[in-house]
Protein backbone atom coordinates (compact mmCIF):
# COMPACT_ATOMS: atom_id res chain seq x y z
CA GLY A 1 -5.49 13.81 59.55
CA LYS A 2 -7.81 11.05 58.41
CA LEU A 3 -9.83 9.69 61.35
CA SER A 4 -7.92 11.74 63.92
CA ARG A 5 -9.02 11.17 67.45
CA LEU A 6 -9.20 13.45 70.45
CA PHE A 7 -9.66 11.91 73.89
CA LEU A 8 -11.32 14.12 76.52
CA PRO A 9 -13.70 13.44 79.40
CA LEU A 10 -17.29 13.31 78.04
CA ALA A 11 -18.50 16.27 80.13
CA GLN A 12 -15.69 18.52 79.03
CA ILE A 13 -16.11 17.75 75.25
CA GLN A 14 -19.87 18.36 75.65
CA ASP A 15 -19.21 21.66 77.24
CA LEU A 16 -16.71 22.69 74.59
CA SER A 17 -19.04 21.74 71.75
CA ALA A 18 -22.20 23.17 73.34
CA ASN A 19 -23.82 19.76 73.25
CA THR A 20 -24.45 19.14 76.91
CA GLY A 21 -26.16 15.85 77.41
CA LYS A 22 -25.66 14.77 73.76
CA LEU A 23 -23.44 12.28 72.13
CA THR A 24 -22.40 12.06 68.47
CA ALA A 25 -20.28 8.95 68.25
CA ILE A 26 -19.12 6.02 70.22
CA TYR A 27 -16.18 3.92 69.15
CA VAL A 28 -16.09 0.31 70.24
CA LYS A 29 -12.70 -1.50 70.28
CA LEU A 30 -12.98 -5.27 70.00
CA ASP A 31 -10.58 -7.76 71.40
CA ASP A 32 -11.13 -9.99 68.37
CA PRO A 33 -11.43 -7.97 65.11
CA LYS A 34 -12.73 -11.10 63.40
CA ARG A 35 -16.03 -10.66 65.29
CA THR A 36 -16.63 -7.19 63.92
CA GLU A 37 -19.59 -8.14 61.71
CA GLU A 38 -21.20 -10.20 64.54
CA VAL A 39 -20.85 -7.29 67.08
CA VAL A 40 -22.16 -4.80 64.48
CA ALA A 41 -25.21 -7.02 63.83
CA GLN A 42 -25.89 -7.31 67.47
CA LEU A 43 -25.63 -3.58 67.98
CA LYS A 44 -27.90 -2.85 65.03
CA ASN A 45 -30.53 -5.25 66.51
CA THR A 46 -30.24 -3.74 69.98
CA LEU A 47 -29.96 -0.08 69.04
CA THR A 48 -32.39 0.17 66.04
CA ASP A 49 -32.74 3.90 66.17
CA TYR A 50 -29.03 4.52 65.64
CA ARG A 51 -26.70 4.24 62.70
CA ILE A 52 -23.95 1.69 63.36
CA TYR A 53 -20.96 1.22 61.08
CA SER A 54 -17.86 -0.88 61.15
CA LEU A 55 -14.63 0.98 60.72
CA GLU A 56 -14.39 -0.06 57.05
CA GLU A 57 -17.91 1.13 56.36
CA PHE A 58 -17.22 4.45 58.15
CA VAL A 59 -13.96 5.04 56.21
CA SER A 60 -15.72 4.28 52.95
CA LEU A 61 -18.44 6.91 53.79
CA ILE A 62 -15.81 9.66 54.14
CA SER A 63 -13.59 8.67 51.22
CA PRO A 64 -13.29 10.94 48.15
CA ASP A 65 -14.99 8.30 46.05
CA ASN A 66 -18.32 9.15 47.76
CA ILE A 67 -18.22 12.79 46.79
CA PRO A 68 -20.47 13.10 43.78
CA MET A 69 -18.88 14.52 40.60
CA LEU A 70 -15.41 14.92 42.19
CA GLN A 71 -13.64 12.79 39.63
CA GLN A 72 -15.29 14.70 36.82
CA PHE A 73 -14.38 18.00 38.44
CA ILE A 74 -10.74 16.90 38.72
CA ARG A 75 -10.70 15.79 35.11
CA VAL A 76 -12.02 19.20 34.00
CA ILE A 77 -9.38 21.07 36.05
CA ILE A 78 -6.60 18.84 34.58
CA ALA A 79 -7.98 19.40 31.00
CA LEU A 80 -7.99 23.20 31.60
CA GLY A 81 -4.42 23.00 32.91
CA VAL A 82 -3.27 21.08 29.88
CA LEU A 83 -5.09 23.46 27.54
CA ILE A 84 -3.49 26.50 29.19
CA GLY A 85 -0.15 24.79 29.00
CA PHE A 86 -0.60 24.25 25.21
CA LEU A 87 -1.63 27.84 24.72
CA VAL A 88 1.44 29.10 26.61
CA VAL A 89 3.69 26.96 24.46
CA PHE A 90 1.85 28.04 21.27
CA LEU A 91 2.09 31.73 22.13
CA SER A 92 5.74 31.50 23.09
CA MET A 93 6.59 29.78 19.76
CA TYR A 94 4.43 32.29 17.88
CA THR A 95 6.36 35.11 19.52
CA ALA A 96 9.70 33.35 18.79
CA VAL A 97 8.77 33.03 15.05
CA LEU A 98 7.75 36.76 14.95
CA GLU A 99 11.05 37.78 16.58
CA ARG A 100 13.06 35.65 14.24
CA THR A 101 11.50 36.70 10.99
CA ARG A 102 14.76 38.19 9.91
CA GLU A 103 16.77 35.02 10.78
CA ILE A 104 14.25 32.83 9.04
CA GLY A 105 14.58 35.03 5.98
CA ILE A 106 18.37 34.66 6.05
CA LEU A 107 18.04 30.91 6.30
CA LYS A 108 15.69 30.83 3.31
CA ALA A 109 18.00 33.19 1.38
CA LEU A 110 20.80 30.72 2.06
CA GLY A 111 18.75 27.96 0.56
CA ALA A 112 17.03 26.40 3.63
CA SER A 113 13.78 24.68 2.77
CA PRO A 114 10.61 25.50 4.66
CA LEU A 115 10.67 22.03 6.13
CA TYR A 116 14.17 22.65 7.57
CA VAL A 117 13.03 25.92 9.19
CA LEU A 118 9.96 24.14 10.56
CA ASN A 119 12.20 21.33 11.86
CA ILE A 120 14.35 23.84 13.73
CA LEU A 121 11.28 25.42 15.25
CA LEU A 122 9.70 22.14 16.26
CA ARG A 123 12.93 20.97 17.92
CA GLU A 124 13.14 24.14 19.94
CA THR A 125 9.51 23.78 20.90
CA ILE A 126 10.03 20.21 22.06
CA LEU A 127 13.16 21.19 23.97
CA LEU A 128 11.32 24.01 25.75
CA SER A 129 8.35 21.79 26.50
CA LEU A 130 10.53 19.06 28.03
CA CYS A 131 12.43 21.61 30.15
CA GLY A 132 9.21 23.19 31.32
CA THR A 133 7.82 19.79 32.17
CA LEU A 134 10.94 18.82 34.11
CA ILE A 135 10.90 22.06 36.05
CA GLY A 136 7.16 21.68 36.74
CA ILE A 137 7.65 18.17 38.03
CA LEU A 138 10.53 19.05 40.25
């Protein structure tokens, strides 16, 4: 999970990661969290060659907001999904109209207006779309 921790003796974790004699991170737990900025500033002054972050800064570094172009990528994927959904509905309705050519002809022969036939097909399309959306959400 996010910021998962594993506690092992230092020598053992160095052997497991093939980093004998090396250290990648040290976490400091404060008794008073209100002093975080003060302690971070002191550590930065003392350990100038190292990167030192508070927990909030560290979490912000690994958040999805810091991944370049991620939001645009997600929007493109959503747009493609919506486009494919519209195409599926369009093709199914087109097929339904082709299969019902005879029924539509009978309706017109009985005096149904083109608007009435269109209304029937649109209601069926909306009903199928709503059912598909509900099934997709569940």
